[in-house]
Structure formats: C-alpha cells, structure tokens
Amino acid sequence: MVYTLLKFILYMISLVCVIYGLSCIPFEKMIKKNHVRQFYVLYIIVVLSLTYLVAHFFLDFMTIRFG
C-alpha cells in the first residue's frame, strides 16, 4: 500500500517535472502549419514516456542496496 502510494506520488512529481522541462523548448517554431493536432499527439506520447522513464529511474535508484 505504501509502495503504491509512493509510486503514484513519484509519477505525479515526474509528470510535473517533465512538462516543466519541456516547456523551455520552442516547439512553435518546429510545428508545420495545419499539423497542430499531430504535434499534440506526439507531445503527449513524449511526456508520458519521459515520465515513465524518470519515475522508474528514481524507483530503481531508491531500492538499490549497497553491501
């Protein structure tokens, strides 16, 4: 139960951090005209993928046992 709650909190923190980190990239200059919908699909996929990777990195890092 505690581990599940920790995972959920870590996923939410990772989601906020990933969105904040990607907000510094000027995507408006890269989007082709009339392709905004495709960009948002790609953006959501990238955000969810990075969130998963960041959260799992920290979960694995916290469960490392030395010695």
PDB file of N, CA and C in Angstrom:
ATOM      1  N   MET A   1       0.821  -1.196   0.000  1.00  0.00           N
ATOM      2  CA  MET A   1       0.000   0.000   0.000  1.00  0.00           C
ATOM      3  C   MET A   1       0.864   1.259   0.000  1.00  0.00           C
ATOM      4  N   VAL A   2       1.890   1.268   0.844  1.00  0.00           N
ATOM      5  CA  VAL A   2       2.780   2.430   0.924  1.00  0.00           C
ATOM      6  C   VAL A   2       3.572   2.565  -0.361  1.00  0.00           C
ATOM      7  N   TYR A   3       4.028   1.429  -0.914  1.00  0.00           N
ATOM      8  CA  TYR A   3       4.804   1.456  -2.149  1.00  0.00           C
ATOM      9  C   TYR A   3       3.961   1.973  -3.308  1.00  0.00           C
ATOM     10  N   THR A   4       2.695   1.588  -3.363  1.00  0.00           N
ATOM     11  CA  THR A   4       1.794   2.057  -4.418  1.00  0.00           C
ATOM     12  C   THR A   4       1.575   3.560  -4.309  1.00  0.00           C
ATOM     13  N   LEU A   5       1.386   4.048  -3.108  1.00  0.00           N
ATOM     14  CA  LEU A   5       1.215   5.486  -2.897  1.00  0.00           C
ATOM     15  C   LEU A   5       2.494   6.237  -3.265  1.00  0.00           C
ATOM     16  N   LEU A   6       3.639   5.691  -2.905  1.00  0.00           N
ATOM     17  CA  LEU A   6       4.916   6.301  -3.261  1.00  0.00           C
ATOM     18  C   LEU A   6       5.092   6.358  -4.775  1.00  0.00           C
ATOM     19  N   LYS A   7       4.734   5.266  -5.454  1.00  0.00           N
ATOM     20  CA  LYS A   7       4.823   5.243  -6.916  1.00  0.00           C
ATOM     21  C   LYS A   7       3.932   6.311  -7.537  1.00  0.00           C
ATOM     22  N   PHE A   8       2.703   6.430  -7.043  1.00  0.00           N
ATOM     23  CA  PHE A   8       1.769   7.419  -7.580  1.00  0.00           C
ATOM     24  C   PHE A   8       2.301   8.841  -7.387  1.00  0.00           C
ATOM     25  N   ILE A   9       2.804   9.127  -6.203  1.00  0.00           N
ATOM     26  CA  ILE A   9       3.339  10.457  -5.918  1.00  0.00           C
ATOM     27  C   ILE A   9       4.558  10.736  -6.790  1.00  0.00           C
ATOM     28  N   LEU A  10       5.407   9.738  -6.952  1.00  0.00           N
ATOM     29  CA  LEU A  10       6.596   9.907  -7.785  1.00  0.00           C
ATOM     30  C   LEU A  10       6.233  10.119  -9.243  1.00  0.00           C
ATOM     31  N   TYR A  11       5.206   9.416  -9.730  1.00  0.00           N
ATOM     32  CA  TYR A  11       4.735   9.630 -11.101  1.00  0.00           C
ATOM     33  C   TYR A  11       4.209  11.056 -11.283  1.00  0.00           C
ATOM     34  N   MET A  12       3.466  11.566 -10.321  1.00  0.00           N
ATOM     35  CA  MET A  12       2.921  12.921 -10.429  1.00  0.00           C
ATOM     36  C   MET A  12       4.041  13.969 -10.395  1.00  0.00           C
ATOM     37  N   ILE A  13       5.017  13.773  -9.526  1.00  0.00           N
ATOM     38  CA  ILE A  13       6.152  14.698  -9.467  1.00  0.00           C
ATOM     39  C   ILE A  13       6.944  14.637 -10.768  1.00  0.00           C
ATOM     40  N   SER A  14       7.156  13.435 -11.295  1.00  0.00           N
ATOM     41  CA  SER A  14       7.873  13.278 -12.555  1.00  0.00           C
ATOM     42  C   SER A  14       7.120  13.932 -13.704  1.00  0.00           C
ATOM     43  N   LEU A  15       5.796  13.793 -13.711  1.00  0.00           N
ATOM     44  CA  LEU A  15       4.980  14.402 -14.760  1.00  0.00           C
ATOM     45  C   LEU A  15       5.134  15.918 -14.755  1.00  0.00           C
ATOM     46  N   VAL A  16       5.060  16.512 -13.589  1.00  0.00           N
ATOM     47  CA  VAL A  16       5.209  17.972 -13.486  1.00  0.00           C
ATOM     48  C   VAL A  16       6.607  18.402 -13.923  1.00  0.00           C
ATOM     49  N   CYS A  17       7.622  17.654 -13.507  1.00  0.00           N
ATOM     50  CA  CYS A  17       8.997  18.000 -13.869  1.00  0.00           C
ATOM     51  C   CYS A  17       9.238  17.875 -15.374  1.00  0.00           C
ATOM     52  N   VAL A  18       8.691  16.838 -15.982  1.00  0.00           N
ATOM     53  CA  VAL A  18       8.869  16.643 -17.425  1.00  0.00           C
ATOM     54  C   VAL A  18       8.162  17.741 -18.208  1.00  0.00           C
ATOM     55  N   ILE A  19       6.947  18.078 -17.830  1.00  0.00           N
ATOM     56  CA  ILE A  19       6.227  19.148 -18.522  1.00  0.00           C
ATOM     57  C   ILE A  19       6.958  20.473 -18.339  1.00  0.00           C
ATOM     58  N   TYR A  20       7.442  20.730 -17.134  1.00  0.00           N
ATOM     59  CA  TYR A  20       8.203  21.954 -16.872  1.00  0.00           C
ATOM     60  C   TYR A  20       9.492  21.981 -17.700  1.00  0.00           C
ATOM     61  N   GLY A  21      10.169  20.855 -17.770  1.00  0.00           N
ATOM     62  CA  GLY A  21      11.411  20.784 -18.542  1.00  0.00           C
ATOM     63  C   GLY A  21      11.193  20.957 -20.033  1.00  0.00           C
ATOM     64  N   LEU A  22      10.122  20.388 -20.558  1.00  0.00           N
ATOM     65  CA  LEU A  22       9.850  20.518 -21.990  1.00  0.00           C
ATOM     66  C   LEU A  22       9.301  21.893 -22.355  1.00  0.00           C
ATOM     67  N   SER A  23       8.852  22.648 -21.381  1.00  0.00           N
ATOM     68  CA  SER A  23       8.283  23.962 -21.692  1.00  0.00           C
ATOM     69  C   SER A  23       9.341  24.960 -22.148  1.00  0.00           C
ATOM     70  N   CYS A  24      10.607  24.669 -21.931  1.00  0.00           N
ATOM     71  CA  CYS A  24      11.656  25.602 -22.352  1.00  0.00           C
ATOM     72  C   CYS A  24      12.014  25.440 -23.829  1.00  0.00           C
ATOM     73  N   ILE A  25      11.537  24.409 -24.484  1.00  0.00           N
ATOM     74  CA  ILE A  25      11.833  24.180 -25.897  1.00  0.00           C
ATOM     75  C   ILE A  25      10.791  24.907 -26.744  1.00  0.00           C
ATOM     76  N   PRO A  26      11.231  25.738 -27.699  1.00  0.00           N
ATOM     77  CA  PRO A  26      10.269  26.496 -28.522  1.00  0.00           C
ATOM     78  C   PRO A  26       9.673  25.627 -29.636  1.00  0.00           C
ATOM     79  N   PHE A  27       8.657  24.853 -29.302  1.00  0.00           N
ATOM     80  CA  PHE A  27       8.052  23.955 -30.266  1.00  0.00           C
ATOM     81  C   PHE A  27       7.268  24.699 -31.348  1.00  0.00           C
ATOM     82  N   GLU A  28       6.855  25.950 -31.071  1.00  0.00           N
ATOM     83  CA  GLU A  28       6.058  26.691 -32.038  1.00  0.00           C
ATOM     84  C   GLU A  28       6.806  26.865 -33.354  1.00  0.00           C
ATOM     85  N   LYS A  29       8.124  26.965 -33.288  1.00  0.00           N
ATOM     86  CA  LYS A  29       8.935  27.159 -34.486  1.00  0.00           C
ATOM     87  C   LYS A  29       9.077  25.871 -35.292  1.00  0.00           C
ATOM     88  N   MET A  30       8.845  24.717 -34.668  1.00  0.00           N
ATOM     89  CA  MET A  30       9.036  23.431 -35.339  1.00  0.00           C
ATOM     90  C   MET A  30       7.751  22.855 -35.925  1.00  0.00           C
ATOM     91  N   ILE A  31       6.608  23.369 -35.495  1.00  0.00           N
ATOM     92  CA  ILE A  31       5.335  22.807 -35.937  1.00  0.00           C
ATOM     93  C   ILE A  31       5.010  23.309 -37.341  1.00  0.00           C
ATOM     94  N   LYS A  32       4.703  22.378 -38.238  1.00  0.00           N
ATOM     95  CA  LYS A  32       4.273  22.760 -39.570  1.00  0.00           C
ATOM     96  C   LYS A  32       2.847  23.295 -39.513  1.00  0.00           C
ATOM     97  N   LYS A  33       2.536  24.139 -40.443  1.00  0.00           N
ATOM     98  CA  LYS A  33       1.195  24.719 -40.491  1.00  0.00           C
ATOM     99  C   LYS A  33       0.176  23.609 -40.721  1.00  0.00           C
ATOM    100  N   ASN A  34      -0.936  23.669 -40.003  1.00  0.00           N
ATOM    101  CA  ASN A  34      -2.038  22.696 -40.079  1.00  0.00           C
ATOM    102  C   ASN A  34      -1.662  21.306 -39.562  1.00  0.00           C
ATOM    103  N   HIS A  35      -0.616  21.199 -38.761  1.00  0.00           N
ATOM    104  CA  HIS A  35      -0.234  19.915 -38.166  1.00  0.00           C
ATOM    105  C   HIS A  35      -0.196  20.007 -36.644  1.00  0.00           C
ATOM    106  N   VAL A  36      -1.009  20.855 -36.085  1.00  0.00           N
ATOM    107  CA  VAL A  36      -1.001  21.071 -34.637  1.00  0.00           C
ATOM    108  C   VAL A  36      -1.523  19.839 -33.906  1.00  0.00           C
ATOM    109  N   ARG A  37      -2.548  19.198 -34.434  1.00  0.00           N
ATOM    110  CA  ARG A  37      -3.116  18.017 -33.783  1.00  0.00           C
ATOM    111  C   ARG A  37      -2.086  16.887 -33.700  1.00  0.00           C
ATOM    112  N   GLN A  38      -1.344  16.672 -34.781  1.00  0.00           N
ATOM    113  CA  GLN A  38      -0.308  15.638 -34.760  1.00  0.00           C
ATOM    114  C   GLN A  38       0.785  15.979 -33.756  1.00  0.00           C
ATOM    115  N   PHE A  39       1.098  17.263 -33.637  1.00  0.00           N
ATOM    116  CA  PHE A  39       2.110  17.663 -32.668  1.00  0.00           C
ATOM    117  C   PHE A  39       1.654  17.354 -31.249  1.00  0.00           C
ATOM    118  N   TYR A  40       0.400  17.639 -30.928  1.00  0.00           N
ATOM    119  CA  TYR A  40      -0.091  17.381 -29.573  1.00  0.00           C
ATOM    120  C   TYR A  40      -0.107  15.886 -29.251  1.00  0.00           C
ATOM    121  N   VAL A  41      -0.402  15.055 -30.226  1.00  0.00           N
ATOM    122  CA  VAL A  41      -0.334  13.601 -30.010  1.00  0.00           C
ATOM    123  C   VAL A  41       1.105  13.195 -29.701  1.00  0.00           C
ATOM    124  N   LEU A  42       2.041  13.698 -30.491  1.00  0.00           N
ATOM    125  CA  LEU A  42       3.449  13.399 -30.259  1.00  0.00           C
ATOM    126  C   LEU A  42       3.910  13.931 -28.903  1.00  0.00           C
ATOM    127  N   TYR A  43       3.488  15.134 -28.547  1.00  0.00           N
ATOM    128  CA  TYR A  43       3.876  15.750 -27.276  1.00  0.00           C
ATOM    129  C   TYR A  43       3.381  14.918 -26.094  1.00  0.00           C
ATOM    130  N   ILE A  44       2.149  14.444 -26.159  1.00  0.00           N
ATOM    131  CA  ILE A  44       1.599  13.614 -25.084  1.00  0.00           C
ATOM    132  C   ILE A  44       2.370  12.304 -24.966  1.00  0.00           C
ATOM    133  N   ILE A  45       2.702  11.691 -26.095  1.00  0.00           N
ATOM    134  CA  ILE A  45       3.467  10.441 -26.076  1.00  0.00           C
ATOM    135  C   ILE A  45       4.853  10.670 -25.468  1.00  0.00           C
ATOM    136  N   VAL A  46       5.506  11.762 -25.852  1.00  0.00           N
ATOM    137  CA  VAL A  46       6.838  12.070 -25.321  1.00  0.00           C
ATOM    138  C   VAL A  46       6.770  12.352 -23.817  1.00  0.00           C
ATOM    139  N   VAL A  47       5.772  13.120 -23.394  1.00  0.00           N
ATOM    140  CA  VAL A  47       5.638  13.439 -21.970  1.00  0.00           C
ATOM    141  C   VAL A  47       5.388  12.176 -21.149  1.00  0.00           C
ATOM    142  N   LEU A  48       4.484  11.328 -21.604  1.00  0.00           N
ATOM    143  CA  LEU A  48       4.193  10.101 -20.853  1.00  0.00           C
ATOM    144  C   LEU A  48       5.396   9.157 -20.830  1.00  0.00           C
ATOM    145  N   SER A  49       6.113   9.065 -21.943  1.00  0.00           N
ATOM    146  CA  SER A  49       7.294   8.197 -21.993  1.00  0.00           C
ATOM    147  C   SER A  49       8.387   8.694 -21.058  1.00  0.00           C
ATOM    148  N   LEU A  50       8.654   9.987 -21.098  1.00  0.00           N
ATOM    149  CA  LEU A  50       9.681  10.538 -20.211  1.00  0.00           C
ATOM    150  C   LEU A  50       9.274  10.435 -18.745  1.00  0.00           C
ATOM    151  N   THR A  51       7.996  10.619 -18.466  1.00  0.00           N
ATOM    152  CA  THR A  51       7.512  10.479 -17.091  1.00  0.00           C
ATOM    153  C   THR A  51       7.745   9.061 -16.586  1.00  0.00           C
ATOM    154  N   TYR A  52       7.429   8.083 -17.405  1.00  0.00           N
ATOM    155  CA  TYR A  52       7.639   6.678 -17.041  1.00  0.00           C
ATOM    156  C   TYR A  52       9.120   6.411 -16.773  1.00  0.00           C
ATOM    157  N   LEU A  53       9.980   6.885 -17.668  1.00  0.00           N
ATOM    158  CA  LEU A  53      11.411   6.634 -17.511  1.00  0.00           C
ATOM    159  C   LEU A  53      11.987   7.311 -16.275  1.00  0.00           C
ATOM    160  N   VAL A  54      11.607   8.554 -16.031  1.00  0.00           N
ATOM    161  CA  VAL A  54      12.122   9.282 -14.869  1.00  0.00           C
ATOM    162  C   VAL A  54      11.640   8.638 -13.575  1.00  0.00           C
ATOM    163  N   ALA A  55      10.357   8.293 -13.508  1.00  0.00           N
ATOM    164  CA  ALA A  55       9.814   7.680 -12.295  1.00  0.00           C
ATOM    165  C   ALA A  55      10.473   6.334 -12.018  1.00  0.00           C
ATOM    166  N   HIS A  56      10.644   5.527 -13.051  1.00  0.00           N
ATOM    167  CA  HIS A  56      11.274   4.223 -12.835  1.00  0.00           C
ATOM    168  C   HIS A  56      12.749   4.346 -12.480  1.00  0.00           C
ATOM    169  N   PHE A  57      13.409   5.352 -13.020  1.00  0.00           N
ATOM    170  CA  PHE A  57      14.796   5.582 -12.639  1.00  0.00           C
ATOM    171  C   PHE A  57      14.894   5.845 -11.142  1.00  0.00           C
ATOM    172  N   PHE A  58      14.052   6.742 -10.631  1.00  0.00           N
ATOM    173  CA  PHE A  58      14.119   7.065  -9.200  1.00  0.00           C
ATOM    174  C   PHE A  58      13.625   5.912  -8.336  1.00  0.00           C
ATOM    175  N   LEU A  59      12.638   5.155  -8.796  1.00  0.00           N
ATOM    176  CA  LEU A  59      12.202   3.986  -8.026  1.00  0.00           C
ATOM    177  C   LEU A  59      13.305   2.949  -7.937  1.00  0.00           C
ATOM    178  N   ASP A  60      13.988   2.701  -9.050  1.00  0.00           N
ATOM    179  CA  ASP A  60      15.108   1.761  -9.033  1.00  0.00           C
ATOM    180  C   ASP A  60      16.260   2.293  -8.194  1.00  0.00           C
ATOM    181  N   PHE A  61      16.510   3.581  -8.288  1.00  0.00           N
ATOM    182  CA  PHE A  61      17.602   4.188  -7.528  1.00  0.00           C
ATOM    183  C   PHE A  61      17.340   4.112  -6.021  1.00  0.00           C
ATOM    184  N   MET A  62      16.089   4.260  -5.614  1.00  0.00           N
ATOM    185  CA  MET A  62      15.756   4.216  -4.191  1.00  0.00           C
ATOM    186  C   MET A  62      15.802   2.801  -3.623  1.00  0.00           C
ATOM    187  N   THR A  63      15.691   1.785  -4.481  1.00  0.00           N
ATOM    188  CA  THR A  63      15.682   0.407  -3.982  1.00  0.00           C
ATOM    189  C   THR A  63      17.048  -0.265  -4.077  1.00  0.00           C
ATOM    190  N   ILE A  64      18.085   0.485  -4.462  1.00  0.00           N
ATOM    191  CA  ILE A  64      19.438  -0.079  -4.526  1.00  0.00           C
ATOM    192  C   ILE A  64      19.932  -0.319  -3.108  1.00  0.00           C
ATOM    193  N   ARG A  65      20.452  -1.493  -2.892  1.00  0.00           N
ATOM    194  CA  ARG A  65      21.015  -1.827  -1.593  1.00  0.00           C
ATOM    195  C   ARG A  65      22.530  -1.982  -1.751  1.00  0.00           C
ATOM    196  N   PHE A  66      23.258  -1.222  -0.977  1.00  0.00           N
ATOM    197  CA  PHE A  66      24.717  -1.289  -1.025  1.00  0.00           C
ATOM    198  C   PHE A  66      25.210  -2.192   0.089  1.00  0.00           C
ATOM    199  N   GLY A  67      25.948  -3.229  -0.304  1.00  0.00           N
ATOM    200  CA  GLY A  67      26.553  -4.092   0.689  1.00  0.00           C
ATOM    201  C   GLY A  67      25.761  -5.251   1.095  1.00  0.00           C
TER     202      GLY A  67
END
